[in-house]
Amino acid sequence: MDELAEWMDPIDEEILEVMCETHVFAPEHVDQEDVCRAPKAAHRCRELTKHGLLTKQMTGVYDITDLGRQVLDGEVAPSELEASDE
C-alpha cells in the first residue's frame, strides 16, 4: 500500500499481510506474530471488515477478501473504500 486512508491505522497493512499467510484467522494470531496485541488486532479487524478488506467468518475469526489482497498489491487505493453501514 502506498498511502493509507484517513480511517486506516499504520498497523493495518501488517495485519492484512498476516491474513494472507493464514487461511482462517483470529486476532490472537496477530498477537502471536508480534504485530500488535490481540485487543487492538480485534478492533482493527472489525474496521477492516467495515471497509470490505476482511470478512467475518464467525466471532473472532476473519478471512482476507479479494479486495483486501488487491489493496495489499496496490491495485486498489484504500482511500477509495467506503465503510459499510454494518
PDB file of N, CA and C in Angstrom:
ATOM      1  N   MET A   1       0.848  -1.175   0.000  1.00  0.00           N
ATOM      2  CA  MET A   1       0.000   0.000   0.000  1.00  0.00           C
ATOM      3  C   MET A   1       0.893   1.238   0.000  1.00  0.00           C
ATOM      4  N   ASP A   2       0.594   2.129  -0.887  1.00  0.00           N
ATOM      5  CA  ASP A   2       1.394   3.345  -0.972  1.00  0.00           C
ATOM      6  C   ASP A   2       0.973   4.373   0.069  1.00  0.00           C
ATOM      7  N   GLU A   3      -0.307   4.601   0.174  1.00  0.00           N
ATOM      8  CA  GLU A   3      -0.793   5.656   1.058  1.00  0.00           C
ATOM      9  C   GLU A   3      -1.994   5.147   1.842  1.00  0.00           C
ATOM     10  N   LEU A   4      -1.989   5.410   3.138  1.00  0.00           N
ATOM     11  CA  LEU A   4      -3.092   4.980   3.981  1.00  0.00           C
ATOM     12  C   LEU A   4      -4.260   5.944   3.859  1.00  0.00           C
ATOM     13  N   ALA A   5      -5.456   5.403   3.968  1.00  0.00           N
ATOM     14  CA  ALA A   5      -6.657   6.233   4.023  1.00  0.00           C
ATOM     15  C   ALA A   5      -6.773   6.822   5.428  1.00  0.00           C
ATOM     16  N   GLU A   6      -7.578   7.850   5.564  1.00  0.00           N
ATOM     17  CA  GLU A   6      -7.762   8.522   6.851  1.00  0.00           C
ATOM     18  C   GLU A   6      -8.219   7.558   7.940  1.00  0.00           C
ATOM     19  N   TRP A   7      -9.034   6.583   7.595  1.00  0.00           N
ATOM     20  CA  TRP A   7      -9.598   5.650   8.575  1.00  0.00           C
ATOM     21  C   TRP A   7      -8.620   4.538   8.975  1.00  0.00           C
ATOM     22  N   MET A   8      -7.511   4.427   8.257  1.00  0.00           N
ATOM     23  CA  MET A   8      -6.590   3.319   8.496  1.00  0.00           C
ATOM     24  C   MET A   8      -5.591   3.618   9.602  1.00  0.00           C
ATOM     25  N   ASP A   9      -5.093   2.549  10.189  1.00  0.00           N
ATOM     26  CA  ASP A   9      -4.031   2.595  11.185  1.00  0.00           C
ATOM     27  C   ASP A   9      -2.772   2.045  10.499  1.00  0.00           C
ATOM     28  N   PRO A  10      -1.596   2.565  10.808  1.00  0.00           N
ATOM     29  CA  PRO A  10      -0.383   2.041  10.166  1.00  0.00           C
ATOM     30  C   PRO A  10      -0.200   0.526  10.314  1.00  0.00           C
ATOM     31  N   ILE A  11      -0.762  -0.061  11.343  1.00  0.00           N
ATOM     32  CA  ILE A  11      -0.611  -1.499  11.587  1.00  0.00           C
ATOM     33  C   ILE A  11      -1.492  -2.349  10.649  1.00  0.00           C
ATOM     34  N   ASP A  12      -2.465  -1.720   9.975  1.00  0.00           N
ATOM     35  CA  ASP A  12      -3.418  -2.460   9.138  1.00  0.00           C
ATOM     36  C   ASP A  12      -2.730  -3.251   8.026  1.00  0.00           C
ATOM     37  N   GLU A  13      -1.712  -2.682   7.417  1.00  0.00           N
ATOM     38  CA  GLU A  13      -1.018  -3.392   6.338  1.00  0.00           C
ATOM     39  C   GLU A  13      -0.391  -4.683   6.862  1.00  0.00           C
ATOM     40  N   GLU A  14       0.229  -4.627   8.034  1.00  0.00           N
ATOM     41  CA  GLU A  14       0.826  -5.834   8.614  1.00  0.00           C
ATOM     42  C   GLU A  14      -0.239  -6.861   8.966  1.00  0.00           C
ATOM     43  N   ILE A  15      -1.386  -6.397   9.459  1.00  0.00           N
ATOM     44  CA  ILE A  15      -2.485  -7.319   9.771  1.00  0.00           C
ATOM     45  C   ILE A  15      -2.941  -8.025   8.501  1.00  0.00           C
ATOM     46  N   LEU A  16      -3.117  -7.279   7.413  1.00  0.00           N
ATOM     47  CA  LEU A  16      -3.531  -7.884   6.147  1.00  0.00           C
ATOM     48  C   LEU A  16      -2.485  -8.865   5.632  1.00  0.00           C
ATOM     49  N   GLU A  17      -1.214  -8.541   5.808  1.00  0.00           N
ATOM     50  CA  GLU A  17      -0.157  -9.460   5.369  1.00  0.00           C
ATOM     51  C   GLU A  17      -0.208 -10.768   6.145  1.00  0.00           C
ATOM     52  N   VAL A  18      -0.453 -10.708   7.456  1.00  0.00           N
ATOM     53  CA  VAL A  18      -0.589 -11.927   8.260  1.00  0.00           C
ATOM     54  C   VAL A  18      -1.803 -12.715   7.779  1.00  0.00           C
ATOM     55  N   MET A  19      -2.868 -11.995   7.446  1.00  0.00           N
ATOM     56  CA  MET A  19      -4.085 -12.659   6.963  1.00  0.00           C
ATOM     57  C   MET A  19      -3.831 -13.417   5.670  1.00  0.00           C
ATOM     58  N   CYS A  20      -2.931 -12.923   4.843  1.00  0.00           N
ATOM     59  CA  CYS A  20      -2.605 -13.620   3.587  1.00  0.00           C
ATOM     60  C   CYS A  20      -1.883 -14.931   3.853  1.00  0.00           C
ATOM     61  N   GLU A  21      -1.176 -15.013   4.956  1.00  0.00           N
ATOM     62  CA  GLU A  21      -0.416 -16.210   5.289  1.00  0.00           C
ATOM     63  C   GLU A  21      -1.260 -17.286   5.952  1.00  0.00           C
ATOM     64  N   THR A  22      -2.404 -16.920   6.496  1.00  0.00           N
ATOM     65  CA  THR A  22      -3.240 -17.836   7.250  1.00  0.00           C
ATOM     66  C   THR A  22      -4.627 -17.862   6.614  1.00  0.00           C
ATOM     67  N   HIS A  23      -5.144 -19.048   6.323  1.00  0.00           N
ATOM     68  CA  HIS A  23      -6.445 -19.138   5.655  1.00  0.00           C
ATOM     69  C   HIS A  23      -7.580 -18.599   6.525  1.00  0.00           C
ATOM     70  N   VAL A  24      -7.686 -19.080   7.732  1.00  0.00           N
ATOM     71  CA  VAL A  24      -8.693 -18.573   8.667  1.00  0.00           C
ATOM     72  C   VAL A  24      -7.931 -17.944   9.816  1.00  0.00           C
ATOM     73  N   PHE A  25      -8.409 -16.851  10.320  1.00  0.00           N
ATOM     74  CA  PHE A  25      -7.605 -16.001  11.186  1.00  0.00           C
ATOM     75  C   PHE A  25      -8.361 -15.538  12.420  1.00  0.00           C
ATOM     76  N   ALA A  26      -7.662 -15.473  13.520  1.00  0.00           N
ATOM     77  CA  ALA A  26      -8.174 -14.886  14.758  1.00  0.00           C
ATOM     78  C   ALA A  26      -7.214 -13.784  15.188  1.00  0.00           C
ATOM     79  N   PRO A  27      -7.693 -12.716  15.837  1.00  0.00           N
ATOM     80  CA  PRO A  27      -6.801 -11.649  16.285  1.00  0.00           C
ATOM     81  C   PRO A  27      -5.628 -12.142  17.130  1.00  0.00           C
ATOM     82  N   GLU A  28      -5.782 -13.260  17.817  1.00  0.00           N
ATOM     83  CA  GLU A  28      -4.687 -13.809  18.614  1.00  0.00           C
ATOM     84  C   GLU A  28      -3.482 -14.178  17.738  1.00  0.00           C
ATOM     85  N   HIS A  29      -3.728 -14.532  16.471  1.00  0.00           N
ATOM     86  CA  HIS A  29      -2.627 -14.854  15.566  1.00  0.00           C
ATOM     87  C   HIS A  29      -1.754 -13.627  15.307  1.00  0.00           C
ATOM     88  N   VAL A  30      -2.369 -12.451  15.219  1.00  0.00           N
ATOM     89  CA  VAL A  30      -1.603 -11.217  15.036  1.00  0.00           C
ATOM     90  C   VAL A  30      -0.717 -10.990  16.251  1.00  0.00           C
ATOM     91  N   ASP A  31      -1.273 -11.230  17.432  1.00  0.00           N
ATOM     92  CA  ASP A  31      -0.512 -11.103  18.679  1.00  0.00           C
ATOM     93  C   ASP A  31       0.664 -12.082  18.667  1.00  0.00           C
ATOM     94  N   GLN A  32       0.420 -13.312  18.257  1.00  0.00           N
ATOM     95  CA  GLN A  32       1.472 -14.325  18.215  1.00  0.00           C
ATOM     96  C   GLN A  32       2.571 -13.970  17.218  1.00  0.00           C
ATOM     97  N   GLU A  33       2.221 -13.225  16.176  1.00  0.00           N
ATOM     98  CA  GLU A  33       3.202 -12.793  15.169  1.00  0.00           C
ATOM     99  C   GLU A  33       3.893 -11.491  15.588  1.00  0.00           C
ATOM    100  N   ASP A  34       3.600 -11.000  16.793  1.00  0.00           N
ATOM    101  CA  ASP A  34       4.185  -9.767  17.339  1.00  0.00           C
ATOM    102  C   ASP A  34       3.897  -8.525  16.494  1.00  0.00           C
ATOM    103  N   VAL A  35       2.734  -8.508  15.837  1.00  0.00           N
ATOM    104  CA  VAL A  35       2.326  -7.326  15.072  1.00  0.00           C
ATOM    105  C   VAL A  35       1.713  -6.299  16.021  1.00  0.00           C
ATOM    106  N   CYS A  36       0.763  -6.731  16.824  1.00  0.00           N
ATOM    107  CA  CYS A  36       0.151  -5.900  17.859  1.00  0.00           C
ATOM    108  C   CYS A  36      -0.611  -6.829  18.803  1.00  0.00           C
ATOM    109  N   ARG A  37      -1.035  -6.284  19.925  1.00  0.00           N
ATOM    110  CA  ARG A  37      -1.759  -7.095  20.901  1.00  0.00           C
ATOM    111  C   ARG A  37      -3.137  -7.476  20.372  1.00  0.00           C
ATOM    112  N   ALA A  38      -3.661  -8.599  20.833  1.00  0.00           N
ATOM    113  CA  ALA A  38      -4.928  -9.145  20.338  1.00  0.00           C
ATOM    114  C   ALA A  38      -6.101  -8.167  20.434  1.00  0.00           C
ATOM    115  N   PRO A  39      -6.276  -7.404  21.542  1.00  0.00           N
ATOM    116  CA  PRO A  39      -7.418  -6.472  21.583  1.00  0.00           C
ATOM    117  C   PRO A  39      -7.363  -5.418  20.469  1.00  0.00           C
ATOM    118  N   LYS A  40      -6.177  -4.893  20.193  1.00  0.00           N
ATOM    119  CA  LYS A  40      -6.051  -3.914  19.101  1.00  0.00           C
ATOM    120  C   LYS A  40      -6.287  -4.605  17.763  1.00  0.00           C
ATOM    121  N   ALA A  41      -5.761  -5.807  17.596  1.00  0.00           N
ATOM    122  CA  ALA A  41      -5.971  -6.555  16.352  1.00  0.00           C
ATOM    123  C   ALA A  41      -7.463  -6.805  16.128  1.00  0.00           C
ATOM    124  N   ALA A  42      -8.186  -7.147  17.181  1.00  0.00           N
ATOM    125  CA  ALA A  42      -9.626  -7.393  17.057  1.00  0.00           C
ATOM    126  C   ALA A  42     -10.346  -6.122  16.600  1.00  0.00           C
ATOM    127  N   HIS A  43      -9.970  -4.992  17.184  1.00  0.00           N
ATOM    128  CA  HIS A  43     -10.581  -3.716  16.796  1.00  0.00           C
ATOM    129  C   HIS A  43     -10.267  -3.404  15.333  1.00  0.00           C
ATOM    130  N   ARG A  44      -9.011  -3.562  14.940  1.00  0.00           N
ATOM    131  CA  ARG A  44      -8.626  -3.255  13.567  1.00  0.00           C
ATOM    132  C   ARG A  44      -9.285  -4.223  12.578  1.00  0.00           C
ATOM    133  N   CYS A  45      -9.453  -5.490  12.965  1.00  0.00           N
ATOM    134  CA  CYS A  45     -10.146  -6.450  12.089  1.00  0.00           C
ATOM    135  C   CYS A  45     -11.587  -6.016  11.848  1.00  0.00           C
ATOM    136  N   ARG A  46     -12.234  -5.514  12.892  1.00  0.00           N
ATOM    137  CA  ARG A  46     -13.609  -5.019  12.713  1.00  0.00           C
ATOM    138  C   ARG A  46     -13.624  -3.836  11.741  1.00  0.00           C
ATOM    139  N   GLU A  47     -12.655  -2.933  11.861  1.00  0.00           N
ATOM    140  CA  GLU A  47     -12.584  -1.782  10.955  1.00  0.00           C
ATOM    141  C   GLU A  47     -12.284  -2.230   9.520  1.00  0.00           C
ATOM    142  N   LEU A  48     -11.377  -3.160   9.360  1.00  0.00           N
ATOM    143  CA  LEU A  48     -11.049  -3.662   8.028  1.00  0.00           C
ATOM    144  C   LEU A  48     -12.243  -4.385   7.406  1.00  0.00           C
ATOM    145  N   THR A  49     -13.056  -5.026   8.236  1.00  0.00           N
ATOM    146  CA  THR A  49     -14.273  -5.682   7.756  1.00  0.00           C
ATOM    147  C   THR A  49     -15.276  -4.647   7.264  1.00  0.00           C
ATOM    148  N   LYS A  50     -15.417  -3.545   7.978  1.00  0.00           N
ATOM    149  CA  LYS A  50     -16.338  -2.478   7.568  1.00  0.00           C
ATOM    150  C   LYS A  50     -16.004  -1.934   6.185  1.00  0.00           C
ATOM    151  N   HIS A  51     -14.740  -1.987   5.807  1.00  0.00           N
ATOM    152  CA  HIS A  51     -14.311  -1.460   4.524  1.00  0.00           C
ATOM    153  C   HIS A  51     -14.113  -2.545   3.467  1.00  0.00           C
ATOM    154  N   GLY A  52     -14.527  -3.772   3.777  1.00  0.00           N
ATOM    155  CA  GLY A  52     -14.527  -4.853   2.796  1.00  0.00           C
ATOM    156  C   GLY A  52     -13.195  -5.556   2.589  1.00  0.00           C
ATOM    157  N   LEU A  53     -12.207  -5.299   3.467  1.00  0.00           N
ATOM    158  CA  LEU A  53     -10.903  -5.932   3.297  1.00  0.00           C
ATOM    159  C   LEU A  53     -10.817  -7.288   3.981  1.00  0.00           C
ATOM    160  N   LEU A  54     -11.666  -7.510   4.962  1.00  0.00           N
ATOM    161  CA  LEU A  54     -11.785  -8.796   5.639  1.00  0.00           C
ATOM    162  C   LEU A  54     -13.250  -9.186   5.675  1.00  0.00           C
ATOM    163  N   THR A  55     -13.498 -10.477   5.833  1.00  0.00           N
ATOM    164  CA  THR A  55     -14.855 -10.952   6.104  1.00  0.00           C
ATOM    165  C   THR A  55     -14.839 -11.653   7.454  1.00  0.00           C
ATOM    166  N   LYS A  56     -15.909 -11.495   8.196  1.00  0.00           N
ATOM    167  CA  LYS A  56     -16.038 -12.144   9.493  1.00  0.00           C
ATOM    168  C   LYS A  56     -16.691 -13.497   9.267  1.00  0.00           C
ATOM    169  N   GLN A  57     -15.944 -14.567   9.555  1.00  0.00           N
ATOM    170  CA  GLN A  57     -16.459 -15.918   9.376  1.00  0.00           C
ATOM    171  C   GLN A  57     -17.355 -16.329  10.543  1.00  0.00           C
ATOM    172  N   MET A  58     -16.918 -15.944  11.746  1.00  0.00           N
ATOM    173  CA  MET A  58     -17.670 -16.155  12.986  1.00  0.00           C
ATOM    174  C   MET A  58     -17.005 -15.274  14.031  1.00  0.00           C
ATOM    175  N   THR A  59     -17.512 -15.239  15.225  1.00  0.00           N
ATOM    176  CA  THR A  59     -16.947 -14.381  16.255  1.00  0.00           C
ATOM    177  C   THR A  59     -15.447 -14.629  16.409  1.00  0.00           C
ATOM    178  N   GLY A  60     -14.664 -13.580  16.189  1.00  0.00           N
ATOM    179  CA  GLY A  60     -13.220 -13.668  16.364  1.00  0.00           C
ATOM    180  C   GLY A  60     -12.456 -14.378  15.267  1.00  0.00           C
ATOM    181  N   VAL A  61     -13.105 -14.693  14.157  1.00  0.00           N
ATOM    182  CA  VAL A  61     -12.437 -15.394  13.054  1.00  0.00           C
ATOM    183  C   VAL A  61     -12.705 -14.622  11.760  1.00  0.00           C
ATOM    184  N   TYR A  62     -11.625 -14.221  11.098  1.00  0.00           N
ATOM    185  CA  TYR A  62     -11.711 -13.408   9.891  1.00  0.00           C
ATOM    186  C   TYR A  62     -10.922 -14.039   8.762  1.00  0.00           C
ATOM    187  N   ASP A  63     -11.259 -13.635   7.539  1.00  0.00           N
ATOM    188  CA  ASP A  63     -10.537 -14.078   6.360  1.00  0.00           C
ATOM    189  C   ASP A  63     -10.345 -12.867   5.457  1.00  0.00           C
ATOM    190  N   ILE A  64      -9.229 -12.807   4.764  1.00  0.00           N
ATOM    191  CA  ILE A  64      -8.977 -11.689   3.855  1.00  0.00           C
ATOM    192  C   ILE A  64      -9.825 -11.862   2.601  1.00  0.00           C
ATOM    193  N   THR A  65     -10.312 -10.754   2.069  1.00  0.00           N
ATOM    194  CA  THR A  65     -11.127 -10.776   0.857  1.00  0.00           C
ATOM    195  C   THR A  65     -10.242 -10.530  -0.365  1.00  0.00           C
ATOM    196  N   ASP A  66     -10.820 -10.731  -1.534  1.00  0.00           N
ATOM    197  CA  ASP A  66     -10.101 -10.399  -2.769  1.00  0.00           C
ATOM    198  C   ASP A  66      -9.750  -8.916  -2.776  1.00  0.00           C
ATOM    199  N   LEU A  67     -10.670  -8.084  -2.285  1.00  0.00           N
ATOM    200  CA  LEU A  67     -10.412  -6.647  -2.212  1.00  0.00           C
ATOM    201  C   LEU A  67      -9.228  -6.359  -1.280  1.00  0.00           C
ATOM    202  N   GLY A  68      -9.147  -7.070  -0.169  1.00  0.00           N
ATOM    203  CA  GLY A  68      -8.018  -6.917   0.743  1.00  0.00           C
ATOM    204  C   GLY A  68      -6.703  -7.250   0.069  1.00  0.00           C
ATOM    205  N   ARG A  69      -6.705  -8.301  -0.735  1.00  0.00           N
ATOM    206  CA  ARG A  69      -5.495  -8.682  -1.475  1.00  0.00           C
ATOM    207  C   ARG A  69      -5.151  -7.621  -2.532  1.00  0.00           C
ATOM    208  N   GLN A  70      -6.184  -7.070  -3.174  1.00  0.00           N
ATOM    209  CA  GLN A  70      -5.947  -6.032  -4.180  1.00  0.00           C
ATOM    210  C   GLN A  70      -5.346  -4.781  -3.545  1.00  0.00           C
ATOM    211  N   VAL A  71      -5.795  -4.438  -2.349  1.00  0.00           N
ATOM    212  CA  VAL A  71      -5.247  -3.281  -1.647  1.00  0.00           C
ATOM    213  C   VAL A  71      -3.777  -3.544  -1.313  1.00  0.00           C
ATOM    214  N   LEU A  72      -3.478  -4.728  -0.806  1.00  0.00           N
ATOM    215  CA  LEU A  72      -2.083  -5.068  -0.491  1.00  0.00           C
ATOM    216  C   LEU A  72      -1.197  -5.030  -1.730  1.00  0.00           C
ATOM    217  N   ASP A  73      -1.736  -5.460  -2.863  1.00  0.00           N
ATOM    218  CA  ASP A  73      -0.976  -5.495  -4.109  1.00  0.00           C
ATOM    219  C   ASP A  73      -0.886  -4.125  -4.785  1.00  0.00           C
ATOM    220  N   GLY A  74      -1.549  -3.116  -4.205  1.00  0.00           N
ATOM    221  CA  GLY A  74      -1.515  -1.772  -4.777  1.00  0.00           C
ATOM    222  C   GLY A  74      -2.451  -1.574  -5.951  1.00  0.00           C
ATOM    223  N   GLU A  75      -3.373  -2.516  -6.172  1.00  0.00           N
ATOM    224  CA  GLU A  75      -4.308  -2.419  -7.288  1.00  0.00           C
ATOM    225  C   GLU A  75      -5.488  -1.507  -6.961  1.00  0.00           C
ATOM    226  N   VAL A  76      -5.795  -1.356  -5.674  1.00  0.00           N
ATOM    227  CA  VAL A  76      -6.894  -0.508  -5.216  1.00  0.00           C
ATOM    228  C   VAL A  76      -6.349   0.372  -4.099  1.00  0.00           C
ATOM    229  N   ALA A  77      -6.664   1.659  -4.163  1.00  0.00           N
ATOM    230  CA  ALA A  77      -6.215   2.589  -3.124  1.00  0.00           C
ATOM    231  C   ALA A  77      -7.182   2.542  -1.940  1.00  0.00           C
ATOM    232  N   PRO A  78      -6.680   2.415  -0.713  1.00  0.00           N
ATOM    233  CA  PRO A  78      -7.550   2.383   0.458  1.00  0.00           C
ATOM    234  C   PRO A  78      -8.451   3.617   0.563  1.00  0.00           C
ATOM    235  N   SER A  79      -7.991   4.743   0.057  1.00  0.00           N
ATOM    236  CA  SER A  79      -8.792   5.976   0.135  1.00  0.00           C
ATOM    237  C   SER A  79     -10.061   5.897  -0.721  1.00  0.00           C
ATOM    238  N   GLU A  80     -10.131   4.930  -1.638  1.00  0.00           N
ATOM    239  CA  GLU A  80     -11.304   4.753  -2.482  1.00  0.00           C
ATOM    240  C   GLU A  80     -12.417   3.957  -1.793  1.00  0.00           C
ATOM    241  N   LEU A  81     -12.103   3.348  -0.659  1.00  0.00           N
ATOM    242  CA  LEU A  81     -13.046   2.455   0.007  1.00  0.00           C
ATOM    243  C   LEU A  81     -13.918   3.206   1.002  1.00  0.00           C
ATOM    244  N   GLU A  82     -15.195   2.876   0.996  1.00  0.00           N
ATOM    245  CA  GLU A  82     -16.132   3.459   1.943  1.00  0.00           C
ATOM    246  C   GLU A  82     -16.562   2.389   2.926  1.00  0.00           C
ATOM    247  N   ALA A  83     -16.890   2.810   4.128  1.00  0.00           N
ATOM    248  CA  ALA A  83     -17.355   1.878   5.151  1.00  0.00           C
ATOM    249  C   ALA A  83     -18.777   1.427   4.852  1.00  0.00           C
ATOM    250  N   SER A  84     -19.060   0.172   5.177  1.00  0.00           N
ATOM    251  CA  SER A  84     -20.431  -0.316   5.072  1.00  0.00           C
ATOM    252  C   SER A  84     -21.222   0.160   6.273  1.00  0.00           C
ATOM    253  N   ASP A  85     -22.533   0.049   6.213  1.00  0.00           N
ATOM    254  CA  ASP A  85     -23.401   0.529   7.295  1.00  0.00           C
ATOM    255  C   ASP A  85     -23.522  -0.457   8.434  1.00  0.00           C
ATOM    256  N   GLU A  86     -22.849  -1.597   8.371  1.00  0.00           N
ATOM    257  CA  GLU A  86     -22.972  -2.628   9.403  1.00  0.00           C
ATOM    258  C   GLU A  86     -22.456  -2.176  10.726  1.00  0.00           C
TER     259      GLU A  86
END
